[in-house]
Amino acid sequence: MYTWLLFIFAIVVLILIPFAPQLMRLRIRFFRWLHWNWAVNLLESHFQSWVVCFRILLFVIAAFLLYVGWTQ
């Protein structure tokens, strides 16, 4: 894989970190559309912790992509 492509993916993932709450709300809307009320209730009751976990996950993915890009 091209090194510059890994850096582009890492930058995109880093840009998505501030948009984690909006992405979680989109996920809630999608689950409502599927009529999965149990999933909606779970995400809404622990919204802040899900957002923090999602941000950490995005940061770890970006760090891994940057690491792989630099070592190649």
PDB file of N, CA and C in Angstrom:
ATOM      1  N   MET A   1       0.844  -1.174   0.000  1.00  0.00           N
ATOM      2  CA  MET A   1       0.000   0.000   0.000  1.00  0.00           C
ATOM      3  C   MET A   1       0.891   1.239   0.000  1.00  0.00           C
ATOM      4  N   TYR A   2       0.455   2.260  -0.677  1.00  0.00           N
ATOM      5  CA  TYR A   2       1.240   3.487  -0.741  1.00  0.00           C
ATOM      6  C   TYR A   2       1.265   4.186   0.617  1.00  0.00           C
ATOM      7  N   THR A   3       2.421   4.733   0.947  1.00  0.00           N
ATOM      8  CA  THR A   3       2.589   5.393   2.238  1.00  0.00           C
ATOM      9  C   THR A   3       1.711   6.634   2.344  1.00  0.00           C
ATOM     10  N   TRP A   4       1.616   7.393   1.260  1.00  0.00           N
ATOM     11  CA  TRP A   4       0.834   8.632   1.309  1.00  0.00           C
ATOM     12  C   TRP A   4      -0.646   8.347   1.528  1.00  0.00           C
ATOM     13  N   LEU A   5      -1.111   7.181   1.086  1.00  0.00           N
ATOM     14  CA  LEU A   5      -2.509   6.820   1.292  1.00  0.00           C
ATOM     15  C   LEU A   5      -2.795   6.567   2.779  1.00  0.00           C
ATOM     16  N   LEU A   6      -1.834   5.968   3.480  1.00  0.00           N
ATOM     17  CA  LEU A   6      -1.998   5.756   4.922  1.00  0.00           C
ATOM     18  C   LEU A   6      -2.078   7.080   5.667  1.00  0.00           C
ATOM     19  N   PHE A   7      -1.243   8.041   5.251  1.00  0.00           N
ATOM     20  CA  PHE A   7      -1.275   9.352   5.893  1.00  0.00           C
ATOM     21  C   PHE A   7      -2.600  10.068   5.623  1.00  0.00           C
ATOM     22  N   ILE A   8      -3.135   9.923   4.417  1.00  0.00           N
ATOM     23  CA  ILE A   8      -4.424  10.543   4.101  1.00  0.00           C
ATOM     24  C   ILE A   8      -5.531   9.933   4.954  1.00  0.00           C
ATOM     25  N   PHE A   9      -5.535   8.596   5.087  1.00  0.00           N
ATOM     26  CA  PHE A   9      -6.530   7.945   5.939  1.00  0.00           C
ATOM     27  C   PHE A   9      -6.384   8.399   7.391  1.00  0.00           C
ATOM     28  N   ALA A  10      -5.148   8.539   7.861  1.00  0.00           N
ATOM     29  CA  ALA A  10      -4.923   8.985   9.240  1.00  0.00           C
ATOM     30  C   ALA A  10      -5.445  10.406   9.444  1.00  0.00           C
ATOM     31  N   ILE A  11      -5.230  11.275   8.474  1.00  0.00           N
ATOM     32  CA  ILE A  11      -5.718  12.652   8.581  1.00  0.00           C
ATOM     33  C   ILE A  11      -7.241  12.684   8.584  1.00  0.00           C
ATOM     34  N   VAL A  12      -7.856  11.872   7.740  1.00  0.00           N
ATOM     35  CA  VAL A  12      -9.324  11.814   7.706  1.00  0.00           C
ATOM     36  C   VAL A  12      -9.876  11.319   9.041  1.00  0.00           C
ATOM     37  N   VAL A  13      -9.232  10.315   9.616  1.00  0.00           N
ATOM     38  CA  VAL A  13      -9.690   9.800  10.912  1.00  0.00           C
ATOM     39  C   VAL A  13      -9.507  10.858  11.997  1.00  0.00           C
ATOM     40  N   LEU A  14      -8.406  11.599  11.962  1.00  0.00           N
ATOM     41  CA  LEU A  14      -8.202  12.667  12.945  1.00  0.00           C
ATOM     42  C   LEU A  14      -9.227  13.787  12.776  1.00  0.00           C
ATOM     43  N   ILE A  15      -9.632  14.058  11.541  1.00  0.00           N
ATOM     44  CA  ILE A  15     -10.655  15.077  11.303  1.00  0.00           C
ATOM     45  C   ILE A  15     -12.012  14.622  11.842  1.00  0.00           C
ATOM     46  N   LEU A  16     -12.269  13.314  11.834  1.00  0.00           N
ATOM     47  CA  LEU A  16     -13.552  12.790  12.306  1.00  0.00           C
ATOM     48  C   LEU A  16     -13.700  12.809  13.827  1.00  0.00           C
ATOM     49  N   ILE A  17     -12.601  12.957  14.565  1.00  0.00           N
ATOM     50  CA  ILE A  17     -12.675  12.901  16.035  1.00  0.00           C
ATOM     51  C   ILE A  17     -13.625  13.959  16.617  1.00  0.00           C
ATOM     52  N   PRO A  18     -13.578  15.226  16.178  1.00  0.00           N
ATOM     53  CA  PRO A  18     -14.534  16.189  16.756  1.00  0.00           C
ATOM     54  C   PRO A  18     -15.991  15.915  16.382  1.00  0.00           C
ATOM     55  N   PHE A  19     -16.219  15.144  15.338  1.00  0.00           N
ATOM     56  CA  PHE A  19     -17.579  14.862  14.889  1.00  0.00           C
ATOM     57  C   PHE A  19     -18.149  13.579  15.498  1.00  0.00           C
ATOM     58  N   ALA A  20     -17.529  13.065  16.525  1.00  0.00           N
ATOM     59  CA  ALA A  20     -17.993  11.822  17.149  1.00  0.00           C
ATOM     60  C   ALA A  20     -19.419  11.929  17.697  1.00  0.00           C
ATOM     61  N   PRO A  21     -19.804  13.030  18.364  1.00  0.00           N
ATOM     62  CA  PRO A  21     -21.197  13.093  18.842  1.00  0.00           C
ATOM     63  C   PRO A  21     -22.225  13.059  17.707  1.00  0.00           C
ATOM     64  N   GLN A  22     -21.930  13.759  16.611  1.00  0.00           N
ATOM     65  CA  GLN A  22     -22.857  13.743  15.482  1.00  0.00           C
ATOM     66  C   GLN A  22     -22.940  12.358  14.855  1.00  0.00           C
ATOM     67  N   LEU A  23     -21.811  11.656  14.796  1.00  0.00           N
ATOM     68  CA  LEU A  23     -21.821  10.302  14.247  1.00  0.00           C
ATOM     69  C   LEU A  23     -22.605   9.350  15.145  1.00  0.00           C
ATOM     70  N   MET A  24     -22.515   9.550  16.458  1.00  0.00           N
ATOM     71  CA  MET A  24     -23.289   8.707  17.369  1.00  0.00           C
ATOM     72  C   MET A  24     -24.783   9.000  17.240  1.00  0.00           C
ATOM     73  N   ARG A  25     -25.147  10.281  17.060  1.00  0.00           N
ATOM     74  CA  ARG A  25     -26.562  10.611  16.859  1.00  0.00           C
ATOM     75  C   ARG A  25     -27.083  10.024  15.552  1.00  0.00           C
ATOM     76  N   LEU A  26     -26.231  10.009  14.530  1.00  0.00           N
ATOM     77  CA  LEU A  26     -26.613   9.376  13.269  1.00  0.00           C
ATOM     78  C   LEU A  26     -26.838   7.879  13.466  1.00  0.00           C
ATOM     79  N   ARG A  27     -25.999   7.273  14.276  1.00  0.00           N
ATOM     80  CA  ARG A  27     -26.163   5.850  14.587  1.00  0.00           C
ATOM     81  C   ARG A  27     -27.466   5.604  15.340  1.00  0.00           C
ATOM     82  N   ILE A  28     -27.820   6.498  16.260  1.00  0.00           N
ATOM     83  CA  ILE A  28     -29.081   6.377  16.989  1.00  0.00           C
ATOM     84  C   ILE A  28     -30.260   6.496  16.027  1.00  0.00           C
ATOM     85  N   ARG A  29     -30.187   7.458  15.094  1.00  0.00           N
ATOM     86  CA  ARG A  29     -31.258   7.598  14.105  1.00  0.00           C
ATOM     87  C   ARG A  29     -31.399   6.354  13.244  1.00  0.00           C
ATOM     88  N   PHE A  30     -30.266   5.773  12.879  1.00  0.00           N
ATOM     89  CA  PHE A  30     -30.296   4.555  12.065  1.00  0.00           C
ATOM     90  C   PHE A  30     -30.942   3.405  12.832  1.00  0.00           C
ATOM     91  N   PHE A  31     -30.605   3.258  14.111  1.00  0.00           N
ATOM     92  CA  PHE A  31     -31.215   2.203  14.917  1.00  0.00           C
ATOM     93  C   PHE A  31     -32.710   2.443  15.124  1.00  0.00           C
ATOM     94  N   ARG A  32     -33.109   3.719  15.243  1.00  0.00           N
ATOM     95  CA  ARG A  32     -34.543   4.021  15.339  1.00  0.00           C
ATOM     96  C   ARG A  32     -35.257   3.632  14.053  1.00  0.00           C
ATOM     97  N   TRP A  33     -34.602   3.884  12.928  1.00  0.00           N
ATOM     98  CA  TRP A  33     -35.178   3.532  11.636  1.00  0.00           C
ATOM     99  C   TRP A  33     -35.376   2.022  11.521  1.00  0.00           C
ATOM    100  N   LEU A  34     -34.452   1.250  12.130  1.00  0.00           N
ATOM    101  CA  LEU A  34     -34.581  -0.206  12.141  1.00  0.00           C
ATOM    102  C   LEU A  34     -35.538  -0.712  13.220  1.00  0.00           C
ATOM    103  N   HIS A  35     -36.059   0.223  14.052  1.00  0.00           N
ATOM    104  CA  HIS A  35     -36.942  -0.101  15.178  1.00  0.00           C
ATOM    105  C   HIS A  35     -36.233  -0.958  16.221  1.00  0.00           C
ATOM    106  N   TRP A  36     -34.952  -0.699  16.413  1.00  0.00           N
ATOM    107  CA  TRP A  36     -34.192  -1.381  17.460  1.00  0.00           C
ATOM    108  C   TRP A  36     -34.203  -0.494  18.702  1.00  0.00           C
ATOM    109  N   ASN A  37     -35.300  -0.498  19.401  1.00  0.00           N
ATOM    110  CA  ASN A  37     -35.465   0.395  20.552  1.00  0.00           C
ATOM    111  C   ASN A  37     -34.503   0.072  21.680  1.00  0.00           C
ATOM    112  N   TRP A  38     -34.166  -1.181  21.851  1.00  0.00           N
ATOM    113  CA  TRP A  38     -33.229  -1.544  22.914  1.00  0.00           C
ATOM    114  C   TRP A  38     -31.855  -0.930  22.645  1.00  0.00           C
ATOM    115  N   ALA A  39     -31.416  -0.891  21.380  1.00  0.00           N
ATOM    116  CA  ALA A  39     -30.118  -0.293  21.056  1.00  0.00           C
ATOM    117  C   ALA A  39     -30.165   1.221  21.215  1.00  0.00           C
ATOM    118  N   VAL A  40     -31.275   1.820  20.829  1.00  0.00           N
ATOM    119  CA  VAL A  40     -31.436   3.268  20.987  1.00  0.00           C
ATOM    120  C   VAL A  40     -31.405   3.641  22.461  1.00  0.00           C
ATOM    121  N   ASN A  41     -32.113   2.891  23.283  1.00  0.00           N
ATOM    122  CA  ASN A  41     -32.126   3.174  24.726  1.00  0.00           C
ATOM    123  C   ASN A  41     -30.736   3.016  25.337  1.00  0.00           C
ATOM    124  N   LEU A  42     -30.008   2.005  24.902  1.00  0.00           N
ATOM    125  CA  LEU A  42     -28.659   1.788  25.421  1.00  0.00           C
ATOM    126  C   LEU A  42     -27.729   2.936  25.032  1.00  0.00           C
ATOM    127  N   LEU A  43     -27.779   3.357  23.773  1.00  0.00           N
ATOM    128  CA  LEU A  43     -26.904   4.441  23.325  1.00  0.00           C
ATOM    129  C   LEU A  43     -27.282   5.773  23.958  1.00  0.00           C
ATOM    130  N   GLU A  44     -28.566   6.026  24.121  1.00  0.00           N
ATOM    131  CA  GLU A  44     -28.984   7.297  24.711  1.00  0.00           C
ATOM    132  C   GLU A  44     -28.680   7.368  26.202  1.00  0.00           C
ATOM    133  N   SER A  45     -28.795   6.260  26.898  1.00  0.00           N
ATOM    134  CA  SER A  45     -28.566   6.301  28.344  1.00  0.00           C
ATOM    135  C   SER A  45     -27.081   6.428  28.693  1.00  0.00           C
ATOM    136  N   HIS A  46     -26.208   5.996  27.820  1.00  0.00           N
ATOM    137  CA  HIS A  46     -24.764   6.091  28.064  1.00  0.00           C
ATOM    138  C   HIS A  46     -24.080   6.861  26.934  1.00  0.00           C
ATOM    139  N   PHE A  47     -24.699   7.967  26.517  1.00  0.00           N
ATOM    140  CA  PHE A  47     -24.235   8.692  25.335  1.00  0.00           C
ATOM    141  C   PHE A  47     -22.808   9.208  25.494  1.00  0.00           C
ATOM    142  N   GLN A  48     -22.498   9.846  26.616  1.00  0.00           N
ATOM    143  CA  GLN A  48     -21.166  10.438  26.812  1.00  0.00           C
ATOM    144  C   GLN A  48     -20.070   9.386  26.796  1.00  0.00           C
ATOM    145  N   SER A  49     -20.302   8.273  27.435  1.00  0.00           N
ATOM    146  CA  SER A  49     -19.271   7.232  27.457  1.00  0.00           C
ATOM    147  C   SER A  49     -19.073   6.613  26.079  1.00  0.00           C
ATOM    148  N   TRP A  50     -20.147   6.461  25.294  1.00  0.00           N
ATOM    149  CA  TRP A  50     -20.002   5.950  23.932  1.00  0.00           C
ATOM    150  C   TRP A  50     -19.212   6.926  23.066  1.00  0.00           C
ATOM    151  N   VAL A  51     -19.441   8.221  23.248  1.00  0.00           N
ATOM    152  CA  VAL A  51     -18.706   9.225  22.475  1.00  0.00           C
ATOM    153  C   VAL A  51     -17.223   9.185  22.836  1.00  0.00           C
ATOM    154  N   VAL A  52     -16.913   9.077  24.111  1.00  0.00           N
ATOM    155  CA  VAL A  52     -15.510   9.004  24.536  1.00  0.00           C
ATOM    156  C   VAL A  52     -14.844   7.750  23.976  1.00  0.00           C
ATOM    157  N   CYS A  53     -15.526   6.622  24.037  1.00  0.00           N
ATOM    158  CA  CYS A  53     -14.966   5.376  23.481  1.00  0.00           C
ATOM    159  C   CYS A  53     -14.749   5.488  21.980  1.00  0.00           C
ATOM    160  N   PHE A  54     -15.688   6.107  21.281  1.00  0.00           N
ATOM    161  CA  PHE A  54     -15.567   6.273  19.833  1.00  0.00           C
ATOM    162  C   PHE A  54     -14.398   7.191  19.488  1.00  0.00           C
ATOM    163  N   ARG A  55     -14.207   8.262  20.282  1.00  0.00           N
ATOM    164  CA  ARG A  55     -13.075   9.162  20.043  1.00  0.00           C
ATOM    165  C   ARG A  55     -11.747   8.457  20.301  1.00  0.00           C
ATOM    166  N   ILE A  56     -11.686   7.661  21.356  1.00  0.00           N
ATOM    167  CA  ILE A  56     -10.460   6.913  21.647  1.00  0.00           C
ATOM    168  C   ILE A  56     -10.172   5.925  20.531  1.00  0.00           C
ATOM    169  N   LEU A  57     -11.203   5.249  20.051  1.00  0.00           N
ATOM    170  CA  LEU A  57     -11.029   4.299  18.953  1.00  0.00           C
ATOM    171  C   LEU A  57     -10.515   4.991  17.695  1.00  0.00           C
ATOM    172  N   LEU A  58     -11.068   6.152  17.364  1.00  0.00           N
ATOM    173  CA  LEU A  58     -10.593   6.890  16.193  1.00  0.00           C
ATOM    174  C   LEU A  58      -9.144   7.333  16.369  1.00  0.00           C
ATOM    175  N   PHE A  59      -8.781   7.768  17.583  1.00  0.00           N
ATOM    176  CA  PHE A  59      -7.409   8.183  17.839  1.00  0.00           C
ATOM    177  C   PHE A  59      -6.439   7.013  17.714  1.00  0.00           C
ATOM    178  N   VAL A  60      -6.823   5.845  18.214  1.00  0.00           N
ATOM    179  CA  VAL A  60      -5.963   4.658  18.114  1.00  0.00           C
ATOM    180  C   VAL A  60      -5.792   4.246  16.656  1.00  0.00           C
ATOM    181  N   ILE A  61      -6.857   4.302  15.879  1.00  0.00           N
ATOM    182  CA  ILE A  61      -6.757   3.966  14.453  1.00  0.00           C
ATOM    183  C   ILE A  61      -5.823   4.936  13.746  1.00  0.00           C
ATOM    184  N   ALA A  62      -5.951   6.232  14.036  1.00  0.00           N
ATOM    185  CA  ALA A  62      -5.081   7.224  13.407  1.00  0.00           C
ATOM    186  C   ALA A  62      -3.626   7.023  13.817  1.00  0.00           C
ATOM    187  N   ALA A  63      -3.382   6.736  15.084  1.00  0.00           N
ATOM    188  CA  ALA A  63      -2.007   6.509  15.541  1.00  0.00           C
ATOM    189  C   ALA A  63      -1.408   5.280  14.874  1.00  0.00           C
ATOM    190  N   PHE A  64      -2.198   4.225  14.737  1.00  0.00           N
ATOM    191  CA  PHE A  64      -1.713   3.009  14.076  1.00  0.00           C
ATOM    192  C   PHE A  64      -1.386   3.278  12.606  1.00  0.00           C
ATOM    193  N   LEU A  65      -2.250   4.012  11.920  1.00  0.00           N
ATOM    194  CA  LEU A  65      -1.987   4.321  10.511  1.00  0.00           C
ATOM    195  C   LEU A  65      -0.736   5.180  10.352  1.00  0.00           C
ATOM    196  N   LEU A  66      -0.550   6.144  11.246  1.00  0.00           N
ATOM    197  CA  LEU A  66       0.661   6.966  11.186  1.00  0.00           C
ATOM    198  C   LEU A  66       1.902   6.136  11.470  1.00  0.00           C
ATOM    199  N   TYR A  67       1.817   5.235  12.436  1.00  0.00           N
ATOM    200  CA  TYR A  67       2.954   4.374  12.758  1.00  0.00           C
ATOM    201  C   TYR A  67       3.322   3.487  11.571  1.00  0.00           C
ATOM    202  N   VAL A  68       2.334   2.868  10.965  1.00  0.00           N
ATOM    203  CA  VAL A  68       2.599   1.997   9.816  1.00  0.00           C
ATOM    204  C   VAL A  68       3.139   2.810   8.650  1.00  0.00           C
ATOM    205  N   GLY A  69       2.619   4.014   8.461  1.00  0.00           N
ATOM    206  CA  GLY A  69       3.107   4.864   7.376  1.00  0.00           C
ATOM    207  C   GLY A  69       4.549   5.286   7.563  1.00  0.00           C
ATOM    208  N   TRP A  70       4.952   5.565   8.806  1.00  0.00           N
ATOM    209  CA  TRP A  70       6.332   5.983   9.046  1.00  0.00           C
ATOM    210  C   TRP A  70       7.318   4.825   8.987  1.00  0.00           C
ATOM    211  N   THR A  71       6.883   3.633   9.338  1.00  0.00           N
ATOM    212  CA  THR A  71       7.820   2.508   9.348  1.00  0.00           C
ATOM    213  C   THR A  71       8.045   1.911   7.965  1.00  0.00           C
ATOM    214  N   GLN A  72       7.206   2.249   7.011  1.00  0.00           N
ATOM    215  CA  GLN A  72       7.407   1.698   5.660  1.00  0.00           C
ATOM    216  C   GLN A  72       8.420   2.506   4.890  1.00  0.00           C
TER     217      GLN A  72
END
